[in-house]
C-alpha atoms as a PDB file:
ATOM      1  CA  UNK A   1     -10.508 -38.267  34.350  1.00  0.00           C
ATOM      2  CA  UNK A   2     -10.051 -40.376  31.198  1.00  0.00           C
ATOM      3  CA  UNK A   3      -7.731 -38.984  28.513  1.00  0.00           C
ATOM      4  CA  UNK A   4      -9.276 -37.953  25.194  1.00  0.00           C
ATOM      5  CA  UNK A   5      -8.841 -40.459  22.348  1.00  0.00           C
ATOM      6  CA  UNK A   6      -5.926 -39.600  20.042  1.00  0.00           C
ATOM      7  CA  UNK A   7      -8.275 -39.200  17.062  1.00  0.00           C
ATOM      8  CA  UNK A   8     -10.258 -36.470  18.844  1.00  0.00           C
ATOM      9  CA  UNK A   9      -7.068 -34.741  19.965  1.00  0.00           C
ATOM     10  CA  UNK A  10      -5.851 -34.767  16.361  1.00  0.00           C
ATOM     11  CA  UNK A  11      -9.033 -33.227  15.024  1.00  0.00           C
ATOM     12  CA  UNK A  12      -8.974 -30.536  17.724  1.00  0.00           C
ATOM     13  CA  UNK A  13      -5.414 -29.732  16.680  1.00  0.00           C
ATOM     14  CA  UNK A  14      -6.408 -29.651  12.984  1.00  0.00           C
ATOM     15  CA  UNK A  15      -9.348 -27.352  13.707  1.00  0.00           C
ATOM     16  CA  UNK A  16      -7.061 -25.045  15.695  1.00  0.00           C
ATOM     17  CA  UNK A  17      -4.610 -24.871  12.776  1.00  0.00           C
ATOM     18  CA  UNK A  18      -7.463 -24.109  10.365  1.00  0.00           C
ATOM     19  CA  UNK A  19      -8.855 -21.313  12.534  1.00  0.00           C
ATOM     20  CA  UNK A  20      -5.404 -19.792  12.981  1.00  0.00           C
ATOM     21  CA  UNK A  21      -4.674 -19.754   9.254  1.00  0.00           C
ATOM     22  CA  UNK A  22      -8.158 -18.460   8.450  1.00  0.00           C
ATOM     23  CA  UNK A  23      -7.749 -15.642  10.961  1.00  0.00           C
ATOM     24  CA  UNK A  24      -4.457 -14.651   9.354  1.00  0.00           C
ATOM     25  CA  UNK A  25      -6.050 -14.643   5.893  1.00  0.00           C
ATOM     26  CA  UNK A  26      -8.917 -12.441   7.167  1.00  0.00           C
ATOM     27  CA  UNK A  27      -6.824 -10.052   9.289  1.00  0.00           C
ATOM     28  CA  UNK A  28      -8.242  -6.539   9.270  1.00  0.00           C
ATOM     29  CA  UNK A  29      -6.472  -3.188   9.155  1.00  0.00           C
ATOM     30  CA  UNK A  30      -4.678  -2.108  12.290  1.00  0.00           C
ATOM     31  CA  UNK A  31      -6.527   0.944  13.517  1.00  0.00           C
ATOM     32  CA  UNK A  32      -6.675   3.452  16.347  1.00  0.00           C
ATOM     33  CA  UNK A  33     -10.472   3.120  16.545  1.00  0.00           C
ATOM     34  CA  UNK A  34     -11.570  -0.397  15.633  1.00  0.00           C
ATOM     35  CA  UNK A  35     -15.148  -1.549  16.184  1.00  0.00           C
ATOM     36  CA  UNK A  36     -16.903  -4.566  14.645  1.00  0.00           C
ATOM     37  CA  UNK A  37     -14.022  -4.942  12.173  1.00  0.00           C
ATOM     38  CA  UNK A  38     -14.285  -1.338  10.908  1.00  0.00           C
ATOM     39  CA  UNK A  39     -11.502   1.238  11.288  1.00  0.00           C
ATOM     40  CA  UNK A  40     -13.123   4.600  12.138  1.00  0.00           C
ATOM     41  CA  UNK A  41     -11.856   8.168  11.959  1.00  0.00           C
ATOM     42  CA  UNK A  42     -14.340  10.475  13.678  1.00  0.00           C
ATOM     43  CA  UNK A  43     -14.157  14.167  12.881  1.00  0.00           C
ATOM     44  CA  UNK A  44     -15.134  17.152  15.012  1.00  0.00           C
ATOM     45  CA  UNK A  45     -18.900  17.692  14.959  1.00  0.00           C
ATOM     46  CA  UNK A  46     -18.441  21.476  14.983  1.00  0.00           C
ATOM     47  CA  UNK A  47     -16.152  22.298  12.077  1.00  0.00           C
ATOM     48  CA  UNK A  48     -18.324  22.106   8.988  1.00  0.00           C
ATOM     49  CA  UNK A  49     -18.849  25.547   7.439  1.00  0.00           C
ATOM     50  CA  UNK A  50     -22.239  26.068   5.795  1.00  0.00           C
ATOM     51  CA  UNK A  51     -22.626  29.756   5.005  1.00  0.00           C
ATOM     52  CA  UNK A  52     -22.521  31.542   8.356  1.00  0.00           C
ATOM     53  CA  UNK A  53     -23.274  28.314  10.263  1.00  0.00           C
ATOM     54  CA  UNK A  54     -20.369  26.502  11.933  1.00  0.00           C
ATOM     55  CA  UNK A  55     -21.152  22.894  12.769  1.00  0.00           C
ATOM     56  CA  UNK A  56     -24.161  20.738  12.015  1.00  0.00           C
ATOM     57  CA  UNK A  57     -24.922  22.174   8.596  1.00  0.00           C
ATOM     58  CA  UNK A  58     -24.916  20.593   5.172  1.00  0.00           C
ATOM     59  CA  UNK A  59     -21.108  20.568   5.025  1.00  0.00           C
ATOM     60  CA  UNK A  60     -20.611  18.793   8.354  1.00  0.00           C
ATOM     61  CA  UNK A  61     -18.591  15.575   7.919  1.00  0.00           C
ATOM     62  CA  UNK A  62     -18.870  13.229  10.899  1.00  0.00           C
ATOM     63  CA  UNK A  63     -16.691  10.256  10.060  1.00  0.00           C
ATOM     64  CA  UNK A  64     -15.195   7.753   7.668  1.00  0.00           C
ATOM     65  CA  UNK A  65     -14.748   4.020   8.214  1.00  0.00           C
ATOM     66  CA  UNK A  66     -12.836   1.320   6.345  1.00  0.00           C
ATOM     67  CA  UNK A  67     -13.236  -2.449   6.558  1.00  0.00           C
ATOM     68  CA  UNK A  68     -11.301  -5.098   4.670  1.00  0.00           C
ATOM     69  CA  UNK A  69     -11.573  -8.775   3.875  1.00  0.00           C
ATOM     70  CA  UNK A  70      -8.854 -10.729   2.124  1.00  0.00           C
ATOM     71  CA  UNK A  71      -9.879  -9.337  -1.289  1.00  0.00           C
ATOM     72  CA  UNK A  72     -12.230  -6.389  -0.768  1.00  0.00           C
ATOM     73  CA  UNK A  73     -12.094  -2.920   0.807  1.00  0.00           C
ATOM     74  CA  UNK A  74     -15.323  -1.358   2.111  1.00  0.00           C
ATOM     75  CA  UNK A  75     -15.618   2.412   2.625  1.00  0.00           C
ATOM     76  CA  UNK A  76     -18.370   4.264   4.514  1.00  0.00           C
ATOM     77  CA  UNK A  77     -18.787   8.021   5.010  1.00  0.00           C
ATOM     78  CA  UNK A  78     -21.158   9.661   7.480  1.00  0.00           C
ATOM     79  CA  UNK A  79     -22.029  13.255   6.632  1.00  0.00           C
ATOM     80  CA  UNK A  80     -24.816  15.750   6.033  1.00  0.00           C
ATOM     81  CA  UNK A  81     -23.847  16.198   2.367  1.00  0.00           C
ATOM     82  CA  UNK A  82     -25.599  13.992  -0.168  1.00  0.00           C
ATOM     83  CA  UNK A  83     -23.960  12.553  -3.273  1.00  0.00           C
ATOM     84  CA  UNK A  84     -26.029  15.013  -5.277  1.00  0.00           C
ATOM     85  CA  UNK A  85     -24.025  17.830  -3.700  1.00  0.00           C
ATOM     86  CA  UNK A  86     -25.287  21.235  -2.612  1.00  0.00           C
ATOM     87  CA  UNK A  87     -26.691  23.855  -4.985  1.00  0.00           C
ATOM     88  CA  UNK A  88     -24.715  27.092  -4.790  1.00  0.00           C
ATOM     89  CA  UNK A  89     -24.916  29.970  -7.298  1.00  0.00           C
ATOM     90  CA  UNK A  90     -21.378  31.082  -6.364  1.00  0.00           C
ATOM     91  CA  UNK A  91     -19.932  27.780  -7.570  1.00  0.00           C
ATOM     92  CA  UNK A  92     -18.701  27.668 -11.151  1.00  0.00           C
ATOM     93  CA  UNK A  93     -20.967  24.682 -11.852  1.00  0.00           C
ATOM     94  CA  UNK A  94     -23.733  25.885  -9.552  1.00  0.00           C
ATOM     95  CA  UNK A  95     -23.188  22.859  -7.279  1.00  0.00           C
ATOM     96  CA  UNK A  96     -20.622  21.957  -4.596  1.00  0.00           C
ATOM     97  CA  UNK A  97     -19.924  18.275  -3.981  1.00  0.00           C
ATOM     98  CA  UNK A  98     -17.445  15.944  -2.324  1.00  0.00           C
ATOM     99  CA  UNK A  99     -13.898  16.024  -3.552  1.00  0.00           C
ATOM    100  CA  UNK A 100     -12.202  12.700  -4.254  1.00  0.00           C
ATOM    101  CA  UNK A 101     -10.952  10.170  -1.680  1.00  0.00           C
ATOM    102  CA  UNK A 102      -7.146   9.963  -1.720  1.00  0.00           C
ATOM    103  CA  UNK A 103      -4.929   7.136  -0.426  1.00  0.00           C
ATOM    104  CA  UNK A 104      -1.247   7.777   0.230  1.00  0.00           C
ATOM    105  CA  UNK A 105       0.918   4.683   0.828  1.00  0.00           C
ATOM    106  CA  UNK A 106       4.237   6.472   0.249  1.00  0.00           C
ATOM    107  CA  UNK A 107       5.011   7.563   3.810  1.00  0.00           C
ATOM    108  CA  UNK A 108       5.536  11.095   2.458  1.00  0.00           C
ATOM    109  CA  UNK A 109       3.384  14.140   3.109  1.00  0.00           C
ATOM    110  CA  UNK A 110       0.533  14.793   0.711  1.00  0.00           C
ATOM    111  CA  UNK A 111       2.261  17.424  -1.430  1.00  0.00           C
ATOM    112  CA  UNK A 112       5.404  15.321  -1.903  1.00  0.00           C
ATOM    113  CA  UNK A 113       3.394  12.233  -2.845  1.00  0.00           C
ATOM    114  CA  UNK A 114       1.368  14.394  -5.211  1.00  0.00           C
ATOM    115  CA  UNK A 115       4.526  15.769  -6.881  1.00  0.00           C
ATOM    116  CA  UNK A 116       5.711  12.179  -7.376  1.00  0.00           C
ATOM    117  CA  UNK A 117       2.348  11.029  -8.833  1.00  0.00           C
ATOM    118  CA  UNK A 118       2.344   8.299  -6.196  1.00  0.00           C
ATOM    119  CA  UNK A 119      -1.161   8.862  -4.837  1.00  0.00           C
ATOM    120  CA  UNK A 120      -4.122   6.534  -5.315  1.00  0.00           C
ATOM    121  CA  UNK A 121      -7.666   7.907  -5.326  1.00  0.00           C
ATOM    122  CA  UNK A 122     -11.318   6.976  -5.606  1.00  0.00           C
ATOM    123  CA  UNK A 123     -13.783   9.142  -7.469  1.00  0.00           C
ATOM    124  CA  UNK A 124     -17.092   8.291  -5.783  1.00  0.00           C
ATOM    125  CA  UNK A 125     -19.141  11.443  -6.475  1.00  0.00           C
ATOM    126  CA  UNK A 126     -20.176  11.266 -10.114  1.00  0.00           C
ATOM    127  CA  UNK A 127     -21.136  14.946 -10.330  1.00  0.00           C
ATOM    128  CA  UNK A 128     -17.989  16.475  -8.825  1.00  0.00           C
ATOM    129  CA  UNK A 129     -15.162  18.432 -10.493  1.00  0.00           C
ATOM    130  CA  UNK A 130     -12.730  15.548 -10.859  1.00  0.00           C
ATOM    131  CA  UNK A 131     -10.748  15.551 -14.109  1.00  0.00           C
ATOM    132  CA  UNK A 132     -11.030  11.789 -14.622  1.00  0.00           C
ATOM    133  CA  UNK A 133     -14.049  10.725 -16.665  1.00  0.00           C
ATOM    134  CA  UNK A 134     -15.832   8.189 -14.456  1.00  0.00           C
ATOM    135  CA  UNK A 135     -16.142   6.952 -10.894  1.00  0.00           C
ATOM    136  CA  UNK A 136     -13.647   4.271  -9.895  1.00  0.00           C
ATOM    137  CA  UNK A 137     -10.199   3.603  -8.431  1.00  0.00           C
ATOM    138  CA  UNK A 138      -7.173   5.398  -9.889  1.00  0.00           C
ATOM    139  CA  UNK A 139      -3.403   4.995  -9.543  1.00  0.00           C
ATOM    140  CA  UNK A 140      -0.472   7.324 -10.397  1.00  0.00           C
ATOM    141  CA  UNK A 141      -2.698  10.169  -9.255  1.00  0.00           C
ATOM    142  CA  UNK A 142      -1.986  13.879  -9.054  1.00  0.00           C
ATOM    143  CA  UNK A 143      -4.377  16.225  -7.281  1.00  0.00           C
ATOM    144  CA  UNK A 144      -5.662  19.716  -7.978  1.00  0.00           C
ATOM    145  CA  UNK A 145      -7.467  22.501  -6.133  1.00  0.00           C
ATOM    146  CA  UNK A 146     -11.141  23.076  -6.931  1.00  0.00           C
ATOM    147  CA  UNK A 147     -11.955  25.223  -3.878  1.00  0.00           C
ATOM    148  CA  UNK A 148     -11.318  28.360  -5.907  1.00  0.00           C
ATOM    149  CA  UNK A 149     -14.021  27.499  -8.451  1.00  0.00           C
ATOM    150  CA  UNK A 150     -16.379  26.482  -5.640  1.00  0.00           C
ATOM    151  CA  UNK A 151     -16.244  29.699  -3.618  1.00  0.00           C
ATOM    152  CA  UNK A 152     -14.165  27.956  -0.974  1.00  0.00           C
ATOM    153  CA  UNK A 153     -11.285  28.579   1.403  1.00  0.00           C
ATOM    154  CA  UNK A 154      -7.921  29.720   0.054  1.00  0.00           C
ATOM    155  CA  UNK A 155      -5.993  27.451   2.431  1.00  0.00           C
ATOM    156  CA  UNK A 156      -6.373  25.388   5.596  1.00  0.00           C
ATOM    157  CA  UNK A 157      -5.111  28.137   7.869  1.00  0.00           C
ATOM    158  CA  UNK A 158      -7.963  30.383   6.709  1.00  0.00           C
ATOM    159  CA  UNK A 159     -10.465  27.574   7.304  1.00  0.00           C
ATOM    160  CA  UNK A 160      -9.086  26.672  10.753  1.00  0.00           C
ATOM    161  CA  UNK A 161      -9.030  30.310  11.849  1.00  0.00           C
ATOM    162  CA  UNK A 162     -12.636  30.920  10.823  1.00  0.00           C
ATOM    163  CA  UNK A 163     -13.917  27.775  12.545  1.00  0.00           C
ATOM    164  CA  UNK A 164     -12.033  28.444  15.782  1.00  0.00           C
ATOM    165  CA  UNK A 165     -12.972  32.143  15.883  1.00  0.00           C
ATOM    166  CA  UNK A 166     -16.649  31.155  15.514  1.00  0.00           C
ATOM    167  CA  UNK A 167     -16.537  28.762  18.468  1.00  0.00           C
ATOM    168  CA  UNK A 168     -16.027  25.551  16.505  1.00  0.00           C
ATOM    169  CA  UNK A 169     -13.281  22.952  16.895  1.00  0.00           C
ATOM    170  CA  UNK A 170     -11.402  22.311  13.656  1.00  0.00           C
ATOM    171  CA  UNK A 171      -9.999  18.806  13.199  1.00  0.00           C
ATOM    172  CA  UNK A 172      -9.035  16.307  10.514  1.00  0.00           C
ATOM    173  CA  UNK A 173     -10.290  13.053  12.023  1.00  0.00           C
ATOM    174  CA  UNK A 174      -7.126  11.045  12.747  1.00  0.00           C
ATOM    175  CA  UNK A 175      -4.934  14.120  12.120  1.00  0.00           C
ATOM    176  CA  UNK A 176      -4.803  17.441  13.936  1.00  0.00           C
ATOM    177  CA  UNK A 177      -6.237  20.408  12.064  1.00  0.00           C
ATOM    178  CA  UNK A 178      -2.754  21.903  11.720  1.00  0.00           C
ATOM    179  CA  UNK A 179      -0.900  18.680  10.912  1.00  0.00           C
ATOM    180  CA  UNK A 180       1.971  19.412   8.470  1.00  0.00           C
ATOM    181  CA  UNK A 181       0.886  16.411   6.375  1.00  0.00           C
ATOM    182  CA  UNK A 182      -1.166  19.015   4.456  1.00  0.00           C
ATOM    183  CA  UNK A 183      -0.028  22.424   3.218  1.00  0.00           C
ATOM    184  CA  UNK A 184      -1.527  24.948   5.639  1.00  0.00           C
ATOM    185  CA  UNK A 185      -0.889  28.289   3.936  1.00  0.00           C
ATOM    186  CA  UNK A 186      -0.511  29.740   0.440  1.00  0.00           C
ATOM    187  CA  UNK A 187      -2.966  30.527  -2.315  1.00  0.00           C
ATOM    188  CA  UNK A 188      -5.454  27.768  -3.225  1.00  0.00           C
ATOM    189  CA  UNK A 189      -3.311  25.022  -1.714  1.00  0.00           C
ATOM    190  CA  UNK A 190      -6.070  22.615  -0.656  1.00  0.00           C
ATOM    191  CA  UNK A 191      -5.701  19.736  -3.140  1.00  0.00           C
ATOM    192  CA  UNK A 192      -9.081  18.047  -3.115  1.00  0.00           C
ATOM    193  CA  UNK A 193      -9.788  16.639  -6.585  1.00  0.00           C
ATOM    194  CA  UNK A 194      -8.120  14.250  -9.023  1.00  0.00           C
ATOM    195  CA  UNK A 195      -6.163  16.059 -11.752  1.00  0.00           C
ATOM    196  CA  UNK A 196      -4.668  13.014 -13.509  1.00  0.00           C
ATOM    197  CA  UNK A 197      -4.637   9.288 -12.937  1.00  0.00           C
ATOM    198  CA  UNK A 198      -4.936   5.840 -14.479  1.00  0.00           C
ATOM    199  CA  UNK A 199      -8.115   3.898 -13.822  1.00  0.00           C
ATOM    200  CA  UNK A 200      -7.368   0.517 -12.242  1.00  0.00           C
ATOM    201  CA  UNK A 201     -10.709  -0.581 -10.797  1.00  0.00           C
ATOM    202  CA  UNK A 202     -14.431  -0.053 -10.375  1.00  0.00           C
ATOM    203  CA  UNK A 203     -16.417   0.738  -7.236  1.00  0.00           C
ATOM    204  CA  UNK A 204     -19.681  -0.848  -6.128  1.00  0.00           C
ATOM    205  CA  UNK A 205     -22.092   1.326  -4.155  1.00  0.00           C
ATOM    206  CA  UNK A 206     -23.580  -0.189  -0.986  1.00  0.00           C
ATOM    207  CA  UNK A 207     -26.788   0.794   0.782  1.00  0.00           C
ATOM    208  CA  UNK A 208     -27.094   1.315   4.533  1.00  0.00           C
ATOM    209  CA  UNK A 209     -28.726  -2.072   5.113  1.00  0.00           C
ATOM    210  CA  UNK A 210     -25.763  -3.852   3.515  1.00  0.00           C
ATOM    211  CA  UNK A 211     -23.249  -1.763   5.470  1.00  0.00           C
ATOM    212  CA  UNK A 212     -25.087  -2.428   8.726  1.00  0.00           C
ATOM    213  CA  UNK A 213     -25.174  -6.154   7.996  1.00  0.00           C
ATOM    214  CA  UNK A 214     -21.364  -6.205   7.825  1.00  0.00           C
ATOM    215  CA  UNK A 215     -20.963  -4.370  11.110  1.00  0.00           C
ATOM    216  CA  UNK A 216     -20.968  -0.637  10.335  1.00  0.00           C
ATOM    217  CA  UNK A 217     -22.225   1.453  13.258  1.00  0.00           C
ATOM    218  CA  UNK A 218     -21.401   5.174  13.245  1.00  0.00           C
ATOM    219  CA  UNK A 219     -23.866   5.686  16.113  1.00  0.00           C
ATOM    220  CA  UNK A 220     -21.359   3.976  18.409  1.00  0.00           C
ATOM    221  CA  UNK A 221     -19.409   7.251  18.132  1.00  0.00           C
ATOM    222  CA  UNK A 222     -22.486   9.531  18.120  1.00  0.00           C
ATOM    223  CA  UNK A 223     -21.841  10.273  14.455  1.00  0.00           C
ATOM    224  CA  UNK A 224     -25.392  10.780  13.263  1.00  0.00           C
ATOM    225  CA  UNK A 225     -25.161  12.630   9.957  1.00  0.00           C
ATOM    226  CA  UNK A 226     -28.173  12.452   7.658  1.00  0.00           C
ATOM    227  CA  UNK A 227     -26.184  10.696   4.900  1.00  0.00           C
ATOM    228  CA  UNK A 228     -24.277   7.409   4.962  1.00  0.00           C
ATOM    229  CA  UNK A 229     -22.458   6.762   1.693  1.00  0.00           C
ATOM    230  CA  UNK A 230     -20.833   3.386   1.105  1.00  0.00           C
ATOM    231  CA  UNK A 231     -18.942   1.573  -1.615  1.00  0.00           C
ATOM    232  CA  UNK A 232     -16.432  -1.218  -2.075  1.00  0.00           C
ATOM    233  CA  UNK A 233     -13.581  -2.048  -4.427  1.00  0.00           C
ATOM    234  CA  UNK A 234     -11.137  -4.838  -5.132  1.00  0.00           C
ATOM    235  CA  UNK A 235      -8.092  -4.467  -2.872  1.00  0.00           C
ATOM    236  CA  UNK A 236      -5.801  -5.547  -5.710  1.00  0.00           C
ATOM    237  CA  UNK A 237      -6.412  -2.048  -7.127  1.00  0.00           C
ATOM    238  CA  UNK A 238      -4.172  -0.647  -4.383  1.00  0.00           C
ATOM    239  CA  UNK A 239      -0.949  -1.650  -2.618  1.00  0.00           C
ATOM    240  CA  UNK A 240      -0.807  -3.277   0.797  1.00  0.00           C
ATOM    241  CA  UNK A 241       0.695  -1.498   3.795  1.00  0.00           C
ATOM    242  CA  UNK A 242       0.045   1.634   5.827  1.00  0.00           C
ATOM    243  CA  UNK A 243      -1.754   4.606   4.309  1.00  0.00           C
ATOM    244  CA  UNK A 244      -3.340   7.955   5.045  1.00  0.00           C
ATOM    245  CA  UNK A 245      -6.737   8.385   3.385  1.00  0.00           C
ATOM    246  CA  UNK A 246      -8.526  11.724   3.151  1.00  0.00           C
ATOM    247  CA  UNK A 247     -11.201  13.721   1.408  1.00  0.00           C
ATOM    248  CA  UNK A 248     -12.349  17.350   1.444  1.00  0.00           C
ATOM    249  CA  UNK A 249     -15.497  19.087   0.386  1.00  0.00           C
ATOM    250  CA  UNK A 250     -14.900  20.767  -2.972  1.00  0.00           C
ATOM    251  CA  UNK A 251     -15.090  24.128  -1.180  1.00  0.00           C
ATOM    252  CA  UNK A 252     -12.765  22.881   1.612  1.00  0.00           C
ATOM    253  CA  UNK A 253     -15.521  23.587   4.151  1.00  0.00           C
ATOM    254  CA  UNK A 254     -14.733  20.337   5.988  1.00  0.00           C
ATOM    255  CA  UNK A 255     -12.394  17.357   5.645  1.00  0.00           C
ATOM    256  CA  UNK A 256     -11.464  14.022   7.230  1.00  0.00           C
ATOM    257  CA  UNK A 257      -8.240  11.998   7.254  1.00  0.00           C
ATOM    258  CA  UNK A 258      -7.922   8.381   8.362  1.00  0.00           C
ATOM    259  CA  UNK A 259      -4.807   6.348   9.138  1.00  0.00           C
ATOM    260  CA  UNK A 260      -4.934   2.632   8.426  1.00  0.00           C
ATOM    261  CA  UNK A 261      -3.351  -0.245   6.572  1.00  0.00           C
ATOM    262  CA  UNK A 262      -4.314  -2.914   4.062  1.00  0.00           C
ATOM    263  CA  UNK A 263      -3.159  -6.504   4.320  1.00  0.00           C
ATOM    264  CA  UNK A 264      -1.778  -8.025   1.132  1.00  0.00           C
ATOM    265  CA  UNK A 265      -4.240  -9.854  -1.100  1.00  0.00           C
ATOM    266  CA  UNK A 266      -3.487 -13.591  -0.708  1.00  0.00           C
ATOM    267  CA  UNK A 267      -1.754 -15.185  -3.678  1.00  0.00           C
ATOM    268  CA  UNK A 268      -3.753 -18.029  -5.274  1.00  0.00           C
ATOM    269  CA  UNK A 269      -0.808 -20.351  -4.607  1.00  0.00           C
ATOM    270  CA  UNK A 270      -0.954 -19.485  -0.884  1.00  0.00           C
ATOM    271  CA  UNK A 271      -4.632 -20.355  -0.675  1.00  0.00           C
ATOM    272  CA  UNK A 272      -4.037 -23.555  -2.659  1.00  0.00           C
ATOM    273  CA  UNK A 273      -1.250 -24.530  -0.291  1.00  0.00           C
ATOM    274  CA  UNK A 274      -3.499 -23.890   2.684  1.00  0.00           C
ATOM    275  CA  UNK A 275      -6.223 -26.176   1.329  1.00  0.00           C
ATOM    276  CA  UNK A 276      -3.661 -28.831   0.391  1.00  0.00           C
ATOM    277  CA  UNK A 277      -2.391 -28.676   3.969  1.00  0.00           C
ATOM    278  CA  UNK A 278      -5.904 -29.250   5.288  1.00  0.00           C
ATOM    279  CA  UNK A 279      -6.304 -32.214   2.913  1.00  0.00           C
ATOM    280  CA  UNK A 280      -3.058 -33.785   4.101  1.00  0.00           C
ATOM    281  CA  UNK A 281      -4.124 -33.381   7.730  1.00  0.00           C
ATOM    282  CA  UNK A 282      -7.438 -35.041   6.934  1.00  0.00           C
ATOM    283  CA  UNK A 283      -5.827 -37.929   4.994  1.00  0.00           C
ATOM    284  CA  UNK A 284      -3.342 -38.494   7.800  1.00  0.00           C
ATOM    285  CA  UNK A 285      -6.119 -38.653  10.354  1.00  0.00           C
ATOM    286  CA  UNK A 286      -8.112 -41.108   8.210  1.00  0.00           C
ATOM    287  CA  UNK A 287      -5.067 -43.400   7.814  1.00  0.00           C
ATOM    288  CA  UNK A 288      -4.504 -43.419  11.554  1.00  0.00           C
ATOM    289  CA  UNK A 289      -8.159 -44.310  12.151  1.00  0.00           C
ATOM    290  CA  UNK A 290      -7.899 -47.218   9.688  1.00  0.00           C
ATOM    291  CA  UNK A 291      -4.644 -48.395  11.254  1.00  0.00           C
ATOM    292  CA  UNK A 292      -6.129 -48.330  14.761  1.00  0.00           C
ATOM    293  CA  UNK A 293      -9.121 -50.396  13.600  1.00  0.00           C
ATOM    294  CA  UNK A 294      -6.864 -52.975  11.929  1.00  0.00           C
ATOM    295  CA  UNK A 295      -4.670 -53.164  15.053  1.00  0.00           C
END
């Protein structure tokens, strides 16, 4: 067999280098359940409490998924609860909604991170009880309990006990229902809404067609809630590294936690250096082609 010309070998090598660097720049979050580039946390399908119904009701949360590119984070939630919330005369506002989505990069449990104001959070439900004024991404966050004003559970132990005693299976997605990451006992200890924080970014809502086009597929895990809520934000609004993300219903009738990580947003100088490297490879190859023709 004849050997490949040196010029072709060089371009194969250059293409391999390009693909390797591009793959590094686009590396996704390391995840326990990764499918089509999305990191999924799938919750129990029988732990949402809707009145006397356990499982399958309006407060059943099926899963959360996170996808990242070099600069953007995409979030999707599959649930039976709409962004409009659920009308309830026992709620102080007459409506129970989603709490806020918290991100904890500190490596500490939720209460410790909260005491240190080191949480990040996303307010995505415009009509909820969050203390910050608008939807968006927030840093230096502290959390508060709004289950009390939404006729909810006093603590997670009460919630877990009711679900289990009614034949359901309480869980927290990537965490066990009784994981010490969250306070399990005490009076009104479920921290599910932003109390204070500094806004650092906006969110962009995404419809199901857009989410599907970028690979989202909750049905792969039989998560078939009636609502799929999606949004994205600039990753520079949050740190890189490992995190625990979670959200509760405002009444603490269901919750999901997800473990993942964000890659660092590439520095402009890094990208510039990458493109310069490609240019040098191309110039070198062109010079060698010219030299071979002259020879």
